[in-house]
């Protein structure tokens, strides 16, 4: 499984802890129907750099912890996704400086209509400087692929 680089999960409502254990090469994940990303689902996937979740309602504790190259997280649901714990992004470019990305910080892309709510929401406020708002047209372009 170490050779798995892209993951497209069209019909999955939840991913459990360690679902991708030993899939160390995953760089890209697109899960349009994922509602629950449990604790540790993508933990320490060191190649992971882009995740697109278009209907996620909960990001669990340590979900992306240790993903040292995570530069782009797209939360494209029509409602704010709950962040169960600020440790979900521990040791990622979204939370801290990492040498793996040359010190570049990661970004969390959300619909413009939810931007203000995200940056003020419990737990998400910790990452308020990482949020980028997207127009409906930009979201439509992302979801084409």
N, C-alpha and C. Protein backbone atom coordinates (compact mmCIF):
# COMPACT_ATOMS: atom_id res chain seq x y z
N UNK A 1 0.81 -1.21 0.00
CA UNK A 1 0.00 0.00 0.00
C UNK A 1 0.85 1.27 0.00
N UNK A 2 2.12 1.16 0.26
CA UNK A 2 2.96 2.36 0.31
C UNK A 2 2.96 3.10 -1.01
N UNK A 3 2.66 2.43 -2.14
CA UNK A 3 2.68 3.06 -3.44
C UNK A 3 1.42 3.88 -3.74
N UNK A 4 0.37 3.73 -2.96
CA UNK A 4 -0.86 4.48 -3.16
C UNK A 4 -0.59 5.97 -3.00
N UNK A 5 -0.83 6.77 -4.06
CA UNK A 5 -0.53 8.19 -4.03
C UNK A 5 -1.75 9.08 -4.04
N UNK A 6 -2.80 8.68 -4.72
CA UNK A 6 -4.03 9.46 -4.78
C UNK A 6 -5.19 8.60 -4.31
N UNK A 7 -6.08 9.23 -3.59
CA UNK A 7 -7.22 8.50 -3.04
C UNK A 7 -8.48 9.29 -3.34
N UNK A 8 -9.37 8.69 -4.12
CA UNK A 8 -10.66 9.29 -4.40
C UNK A 8 -11.70 8.35 -3.83
N UNK A 9 -12.46 8.85 -2.87
CA UNK A 9 -13.44 8.04 -2.16
C UNK A 9 -14.82 8.64 -2.42
N UNK A 10 -15.51 8.18 -3.47
CA UNK A 10 -16.76 8.81 -3.86
C UNK A 10 -17.95 8.54 -2.93
N UNK A 11 -17.97 7.42 -2.23
CA UNK A 11 -19.16 7.08 -1.44
C UNK A 11 -18.78 6.49 -0.08
N UNK A 12 -18.29 7.31 0.78
CA UNK A 12 -17.89 6.87 2.11
C UNK A 12 -18.32 7.94 3.10
N UNK A 13 -19.09 7.55 4.10
CA UNK A 13 -19.59 8.56 5.03
C UNK A 13 -18.66 8.80 6.22
N UNK A 14 -17.79 7.83 6.52
CA UNK A 14 -16.84 8.04 7.62
C UNK A 14 -15.58 7.22 7.39
N UNK A 15 -14.47 7.73 7.92
CA UNK A 15 -13.20 7.03 7.87
C UNK A 15 -12.72 6.89 9.30
N UNK A 16 -12.34 5.68 9.66
CA UNK A 16 -11.96 5.39 11.04
C UNK A 16 -10.47 5.53 11.27
N UNK A 17 -10.11 5.57 12.53
CA UNK A 17 -8.71 5.67 12.93
C UNK A 17 -7.87 4.61 12.24
N UNK A 18 -6.73 5.01 11.74
CA UNK A 18 -5.76 4.14 11.08
C UNK A 18 -6.29 3.50 9.80
N UNK A 19 -7.28 4.09 9.16
CA UNK A 19 -7.83 3.53 7.91
C UNK A 19 -6.76 3.40 6.84
N UNK A 20 -5.78 4.27 6.86
CA UNK A 20 -4.75 4.25 5.84
C UNK A 20 -3.37 3.96 6.43
N UNK A 21 -3.35 3.14 7.45
CA UNK A 21 -2.10 2.70 8.09
C UNK A 21 -1.21 2.08 7.03
N UNK A 22 0.04 2.48 6.99
CA UNK A 22 1.06 2.01 6.04
C UNK A 22 0.88 2.54 4.62
N UNK A 23 -0.09 3.38 4.36
CA UNK A 23 -0.23 4.02 3.05
C UNK A 23 0.56 5.33 3.11
N UNK A 24 1.85 5.20 3.18
CA UNK A 24 2.71 6.36 3.44
C UNK A 24 2.88 7.29 2.27
N UNK A 25 2.52 6.85 1.06
CA UNK A 25 2.73 7.68 -0.12
C UNK A 25 1.55 8.53 -0.53
N UNK A 26 0.44 8.47 0.19
CA UNK A 26 -0.75 9.25 -0.19
C UNK A 26 -0.42 10.74 -0.17
N UNK A 27 -0.63 11.39 -1.33
CA UNK A 27 -0.37 12.83 -1.43
C UNK A 27 -1.65 13.63 -1.63
N UNK A 28 -2.68 12.98 -2.18
CA UNK A 28 -3.90 13.69 -2.55
C UNK A 28 -5.11 12.85 -2.15
N UNK A 29 -6.09 13.50 -1.49
CA UNK A 29 -7.33 12.81 -1.10
C UNK A 29 -8.51 13.67 -1.52
N UNK A 30 -9.46 13.04 -2.21
CA UNK A 30 -10.72 13.70 -2.56
C UNK A 30 -11.83 12.78 -2.07
N UNK A 31 -12.57 13.24 -1.09
CA UNK A 31 -13.66 12.45 -0.50
C UNK A 31 -14.91 13.32 -0.43
N UNK A 32 -15.67 13.38 -1.52
CA UNK A 32 -16.83 14.28 -1.58
C UNK A 32 -17.97 13.92 -0.64
N UNK A 33 -18.10 12.66 -0.26
CA UNK A 33 -19.22 12.26 0.59
C UNK A 33 -18.82 12.02 2.05
N UNK A 34 -17.56 12.26 2.38
CA UNK A 34 -17.09 11.99 3.74
C UNK A 34 -17.71 12.96 4.73
N UNK A 35 -18.40 12.44 5.73
CA UNK A 35 -19.03 13.28 6.75
C UNK A 35 -18.21 13.31 8.03
N UNK A 36 -17.61 12.19 8.39
CA UNK A 36 -16.85 12.10 9.63
C UNK A 36 -15.44 11.61 9.36
N UNK A 37 -14.46 12.44 9.66
CA UNK A 37 -13.05 12.05 9.58
C UNK A 37 -12.58 11.84 11.01
N UNK A 38 -12.58 10.61 11.45
CA UNK A 38 -12.28 10.30 12.85
C UNK A 38 -10.83 10.60 13.22
N UNK A 39 -10.58 10.51 14.50
CA UNK A 39 -9.27 10.77 15.06
C UNK A 39 -8.20 9.91 14.40
N UNK A 40 -7.14 10.55 13.95
CA UNK A 40 -5.98 9.84 13.43
C UNK A 40 -6.11 9.23 12.04
N UNK A 41 -7.17 9.52 11.30
CA UNK A 41 -7.38 8.90 9.99
C UNK A 41 -6.17 9.06 9.07
N UNK A 42 -5.65 10.27 8.96
CA UNK A 42 -4.53 10.52 8.07
C UNK A 42 -3.24 10.80 8.84
N UNK A 43 -3.23 10.52 10.10
CA UNK A 43 -2.09 10.82 10.97
C UNK A 43 -0.77 10.30 10.38
N UNK A 44 0.21 11.17 10.37
CA UNK A 44 1.59 10.91 9.91
C UNK A 44 1.68 10.41 8.48
N UNK A 45 0.77 10.81 7.62
CA UNK A 45 0.91 10.54 6.19
C UNK A 45 1.80 11.65 5.66
N UNK A 46 3.10 11.43 5.67
CA UNK A 46 4.09 12.47 5.42
C UNK A 46 4.08 13.05 4.01
N UNK A 47 3.50 12.36 3.05
CA UNK A 47 3.43 12.87 1.68
C UNK A 47 2.14 13.64 1.40
N UNK A 48 1.18 13.54 2.30
CA UNK A 48 -0.14 14.16 2.09
C UNK A 48 -0.01 15.67 1.99
N UNK A 49 -0.45 16.23 0.84
CA UNK A 49 -0.35 17.69 0.68
C UNK A 49 -1.68 18.36 0.35
N UNK A 50 -2.67 17.61 -0.17
CA UNK A 50 -3.95 18.19 -0.53
C UNK A 50 -5.10 17.26 -0.14
N UNK A 51 -6.09 17.83 0.55
CA UNK A 51 -7.28 17.07 0.93
C UNK A 51 -8.50 17.92 0.58
N UNK A 52 -9.45 17.32 -0.14
CA UNK A 52 -10.69 18.00 -0.50
C UNK A 52 -11.85 17.23 0.10
N UNK A 53 -12.57 17.89 0.99
CA UNK A 53 -13.74 17.30 1.65
C UNK A 53 -14.93 18.21 1.37
N UNK A 54 -15.88 17.73 0.60
CA UNK A 54 -16.98 18.62 0.22
C UNK A 54 -18.25 18.45 1.04
N UNK A 55 -18.25 17.51 1.99
CA UNK A 55 -19.43 17.40 2.85
C UNK A 55 -19.09 16.98 4.27
N UNK A 56 -17.89 17.26 4.69
CA UNK A 56 -17.42 16.84 6.01
C UNK A 56 -18.08 17.67 7.12
N UNK A 57 -18.59 16.98 8.13
CA UNK A 57 -19.22 17.67 9.26
C UNK A 57 -18.35 17.65 10.51
N UNK A 58 -17.39 16.71 10.61
CA UNK A 58 -16.51 16.63 11.78
C UNK A 58 -15.10 16.19 11.37
N UNK A 59 -14.10 16.93 11.84
CA UNK A 59 -12.70 16.54 11.73
C UNK A 59 -12.27 16.15 13.13
N UNK A 60 -11.88 14.90 13.29
CA UNK A 60 -11.54 14.37 14.61
C UNK A 60 -10.16 14.78 15.10
N UNK A 61 -9.94 14.55 16.37
CA UNK A 61 -8.67 14.83 17.03
C UNK A 61 -7.54 14.09 16.33
N UNK A 62 -6.45 14.74 16.10
CA UNK A 62 -5.26 14.16 15.46
C UNK A 62 -5.50 13.66 14.04
N UNK A 63 -6.57 14.06 13.41
CA UNK A 63 -6.92 13.59 12.08
C UNK A 63 -5.76 13.76 11.09
N UNK A 64 -5.11 14.92 11.11
CA UNK A 64 -4.01 15.20 10.19
C UNK A 64 -2.68 15.40 10.91
N UNK A 65 -2.64 15.08 12.17
CA UNK A 65 -1.44 15.27 12.99
C UNK A 65 -0.23 14.59 12.35
N UNK A 66 0.85 15.33 12.23
CA UNK A 66 2.09 14.79 11.69
C UNK A 66 2.16 14.75 10.18
N UNK A 67 1.17 15.29 9.49
CA UNK A 67 1.21 15.37 8.02
C UNK A 67 2.06 16.59 7.66
N UNK A 68 3.34 16.39 7.62
CA UNK A 68 4.30 17.49 7.54
C UNK A 68 4.29 18.26 6.22
N UNK A 69 3.55 17.76 5.23
CA UNK A 69 3.47 18.47 3.94
C UNK A 69 2.06 18.91 3.59
N UNK A 70 1.15 18.89 4.55
CA UNK A 70 -0.24 19.26 4.29
C UNK A 70 -0.34 20.78 4.06
N UNK A 71 -0.46 21.16 2.80
CA UNK A 71 -0.50 22.58 2.45
C UNK A 71 -1.90 23.07 2.10
N UNK A 72 -2.80 22.17 1.69
CA UNK A 72 -4.12 22.60 1.26
C UNK A 72 -5.21 21.67 1.77
N UNK A 73 -6.09 22.23 2.60
CA UNK A 73 -7.27 21.51 3.07
C UNK A 73 -8.48 22.30 2.59
N UNK A 74 -9.34 21.66 1.83
CA UNK A 74 -10.56 22.27 1.30
C UNK A 74 -11.75 21.70 2.07
N UNK A 75 -12.47 22.56 2.76
CA UNK A 75 -13.69 22.18 3.47
C UNK A 75 -14.84 22.89 2.75
N UNK A 76 -15.46 22.20 1.83
CA UNK A 76 -16.39 22.84 0.90
C UNK A 76 -17.86 22.58 1.19
N UNK A 77 -18.16 22.10 2.37
CA UNK A 77 -19.54 21.85 2.76
C UNK A 77 -20.32 23.16 2.86
N UNK A 78 -21.63 23.06 2.83
CA UNK A 78 -22.48 24.25 2.97
C UNK A 78 -22.70 24.63 4.43
N UNK A 79 -22.14 23.86 5.35
CA UNK A 79 -22.21 24.15 6.78
C UNK A 79 -20.81 24.04 7.37
N UNK A 80 -20.57 24.72 8.47
CA UNK A 80 -19.25 24.68 9.11
C UNK A 80 -18.96 23.27 9.63
N UNK A 81 -17.80 22.80 9.31
CA UNK A 81 -17.32 21.49 9.77
C UNK A 81 -16.80 21.66 11.20
N UNK A 82 -17.22 20.80 12.11
CA UNK A 82 -16.77 20.88 13.50
C UNK A 82 -15.35 20.34 13.61
N UNK A 83 -14.52 21.05 14.34
CA UNK A 83 -13.17 20.60 14.65
C UNK A 83 -13.18 20.14 16.09
N UNK A 84 -13.04 18.84 16.31
CA UNK A 84 -13.20 18.31 17.66
C UNK A 84 -12.07 18.66 18.61
N UNK A 85 -10.88 18.97 18.06
CA UNK A 85 -9.73 19.27 18.92
C UNK A 85 -8.68 20.00 18.10
N UNK A 86 -8.03 20.98 18.70
CA UNK A 86 -7.02 21.74 17.96
C UNK A 86 -5.81 20.90 17.59
N UNK A 87 -5.64 19.73 18.18
CA UNK A 87 -4.51 18.86 17.84
C UNK A 87 -4.68 18.16 16.50
N UNK A 88 -5.78 18.38 15.82
CA UNK A 88 -6.01 17.75 14.52
C UNK A 88 -4.92 18.11 13.52
N UNK A 89 -4.27 19.25 13.70
CA UNK A 89 -3.25 19.71 12.76
C UNK A 89 -1.87 19.83 13.40
N UNK A 90 -1.66 19.15 14.50
CA UNK A 90 -0.37 19.20 15.20
C UNK A 90 0.76 18.75 14.25
N UNK A 91 1.81 19.53 14.22
CA UNK A 91 2.99 19.25 13.39
C UNK A 91 2.68 19.20 11.90
N UNK A 92 1.82 20.11 11.46
CA UNK A 92 1.53 20.27 10.04
C UNK A 92 1.84 21.71 9.65
N UNK A 93 1.99 22.01 8.36
CA UNK A 93 2.20 23.39 7.94
C UNK A 93 1.01 24.30 8.26
N UNK A 94 -0.14 23.72 8.53
CA UNK A 94 -1.29 24.54 8.91
C UNK A 94 -1.10 25.12 10.30
N UNK A 95 -0.40 24.38 11.16
CA UNK A 95 -0.23 24.86 12.54
C UNK A 95 1.15 25.43 12.84
N UNK A 96 2.18 24.92 12.20
CA UNK A 96 3.54 25.33 12.55
C UNK A 96 4.45 25.40 11.33
N UNK A 97 5.60 25.98 11.54
CA UNK A 97 6.66 25.99 10.52
C UNK A 97 7.17 24.56 10.36
N UNK A 98 7.34 24.11 9.13
CA UNK A 98 7.95 22.81 8.92
C UNK A 98 9.04 22.93 7.86
N UNK A 99 10.12 22.23 8.07
CA UNK A 99 11.21 22.26 7.09
C UNK A 99 10.83 21.51 5.82
N UNK A 100 9.89 20.55 5.93
CA UNK A 100 9.47 19.78 4.75
C UNK A 100 8.88 20.67 3.67
N UNK A 101 8.31 21.79 4.04
CA UNK A 101 7.70 22.70 3.06
C UNK A 101 8.51 23.99 2.91
N UNK A 102 9.71 24.00 3.42
CA UNK A 102 10.54 25.19 3.33
C UNK A 102 10.00 26.36 4.13
N UNK A 103 9.21 26.04 5.15
CA UNK A 103 8.65 27.07 6.02
C UNK A 103 7.35 27.67 5.53
N UNK A 104 6.82 27.15 4.42
CA UNK A 104 5.55 27.65 3.90
C UNK A 104 4.41 27.13 4.77
N UNK A 105 3.50 28.01 5.14
CA UNK A 105 2.34 27.59 5.93
C UNK A 105 1.24 27.07 5.02
N UNK A 106 0.48 26.13 5.54
CA UNK A 106 -0.64 25.57 4.80
C UNK A 106 -1.87 26.46 4.90
N UNK A 107 -2.87 26.16 4.07
CA UNK A 107 -4.10 26.94 4.04
C UNK A 107 -5.33 26.03 4.15
N UNK A 108 -6.39 26.60 4.72
CA UNK A 108 -7.68 25.93 4.82
C UNK A 108 -8.64 26.75 3.97
N UNK A 109 -9.15 26.14 2.91
CA UNK A 109 -10.03 26.82 1.97
C UNK A 109 -11.48 26.50 2.31
N UNK A 110 -12.29 27.55 2.45
CA UNK A 110 -13.70 27.38 2.81
C UNK A 110 -14.57 28.31 1.95
N UNK A 111 -15.87 27.99 1.84
CA UNK A 111 -16.76 28.89 1.09
C UNK A 111 -16.78 30.30 1.71
N UNK A 112 -16.81 31.31 0.87
CA UNK A 112 -16.83 32.70 1.34
C UNK A 112 -17.98 32.95 2.30
N UNK A 113 -19.11 32.29 2.08
CA UNK A 113 -20.28 32.48 2.93
C UNK A 113 -20.08 31.98 4.36
N UNK A 114 -19.07 31.12 4.57
CA UNK A 114 -18.81 30.55 5.90
C UNK A 114 -17.51 31.06 6.52
N UNK A 115 -16.76 31.84 5.77
CA UNK A 115 -15.45 32.30 6.21
C UNK A 115 -15.49 32.94 7.61
N UNK A 116 -16.35 33.91 7.81
CA UNK A 116 -16.42 34.62 9.11
C UNK A 116 -16.80 33.67 10.25
N UNK A 117 -17.65 32.72 9.96
CA UNK A 117 -18.06 31.75 10.98
C UNK A 117 -16.89 30.84 11.35
N UNK A 118 -16.16 30.37 10.35
CA UNK A 118 -15.00 29.51 10.62
C UNK A 118 -13.97 30.21 11.49
N UNK A 119 -13.59 31.43 11.13
CA UNK A 119 -12.49 32.07 11.86
C UNK A 119 -12.87 32.46 13.28
N UNK A 120 -14.16 32.41 13.60
CA UNK A 120 -14.62 32.71 14.96
C UNK A 120 -15.06 31.46 15.73
N UNK A 121 -15.08 30.31 15.07
CA UNK A 121 -15.59 29.08 15.68
C UNK A 121 -14.62 28.48 16.69
N UNK A 122 -15.19 27.86 17.71
CA UNK A 122 -14.39 27.15 18.71
C UNK A 122 -13.45 26.18 18.01
N UNK A 123 -12.24 26.15 18.42
CA UNK A 123 -11.14 25.34 17.90
C UNK A 123 -10.62 25.85 16.55
N UNK A 124 -11.50 26.20 15.62
CA UNK A 124 -11.03 26.72 14.34
C UNK A 124 -10.34 28.07 14.51
N UNK A 125 -10.73 28.85 15.51
CA UNK A 125 -10.15 30.18 15.73
C UNK A 125 -8.63 30.09 15.85
N UNK A 126 -8.13 28.97 16.34
CA UNK A 126 -6.69 28.75 16.46
C UNK A 126 -5.99 28.87 15.11
N UNK A 127 -6.69 28.51 14.05
CA UNK A 127 -6.12 28.51 12.70
C UNK A 127 -6.65 29.64 11.83
N UNK A 128 -7.21 30.66 12.44
CA UNK A 128 -7.87 31.73 11.69
C UNK A 128 -6.97 32.38 10.64
N UNK A 129 -5.67 32.44 10.89
CA UNK A 129 -4.75 33.05 9.93
C UNK A 129 -4.52 32.16 8.70
N UNK A 130 -4.97 30.93 8.74
CA UNK A 130 -4.75 29.99 7.64
C UNK A 130 -5.94 29.88 6.68
N UNK A 131 -7.05 30.53 7.03
CA UNK A 131 -8.26 30.42 6.22
C UNK A 131 -8.21 31.29 4.98
N UNK A 132 -8.72 30.74 3.88
CA UNK A 132 -8.85 31.45 2.61
C UNK A 132 -10.28 31.22 2.14
N UNK A 133 -10.96 32.30 1.77
CA UNK A 133 -12.35 32.16 1.30
C UNK A 133 -12.38 31.91 -0.20
N UNK A 134 -13.33 31.08 -0.61
CA UNK A 134 -13.51 30.75 -2.01
C UNK A 134 -14.91 31.15 -2.47
N UNK A 135 -15.00 31.69 -3.66
CA UNK A 135 -16.31 32.01 -4.23
C UNK A 135 -16.98 30.73 -4.71
N UNK A 136 -18.26 30.82 -4.97
CA UNK A 136 -19.00 29.66 -5.51
C UNK A 136 -18.40 29.21 -6.84
N UNK A 137 -17.98 30.15 -7.66
CA UNK A 137 -17.38 29.81 -8.96
C UNK A 137 -16.06 29.05 -8.77
N UNK A 138 -15.26 29.48 -7.81
CA UNK A 138 -14.00 28.78 -7.54
C UNK A 138 -14.26 27.36 -7.02
N UNK A 139 -15.25 27.22 -6.16
CA UNK A 139 -15.61 25.90 -5.63
C UNK A 139 -16.09 25.00 -6.76
N UNK A 140 -16.90 25.53 -7.65
CA UNK A 140 -17.39 24.75 -8.78
C UNK A 140 -16.24 24.23 -9.63
N UNK A 141 -15.21 25.04 -9.84
CA UNK A 141 -14.05 24.61 -10.60
C UNK A 141 -13.30 23.49 -9.90
N UNK A 142 -13.18 23.58 -8.59
CA UNK A 142 -12.49 22.54 -7.81
C UNK A 142 -13.25 21.23 -7.88
N UNK A 143 -14.56 21.30 -7.76
CA UNK A 143 -15.39 20.08 -7.71
C UNK A 143 -15.59 19.43 -9.07
N UNK A 144 -15.21 20.09 -10.14
CA UNK A 144 -15.29 19.48 -11.48
C UNK A 144 -14.38 18.27 -11.54
N UNK A 145 -13.25 18.38 -10.91
CA UNK A 145 -12.27 17.30 -10.97
C UNK A 145 -12.66 16.28 -9.98
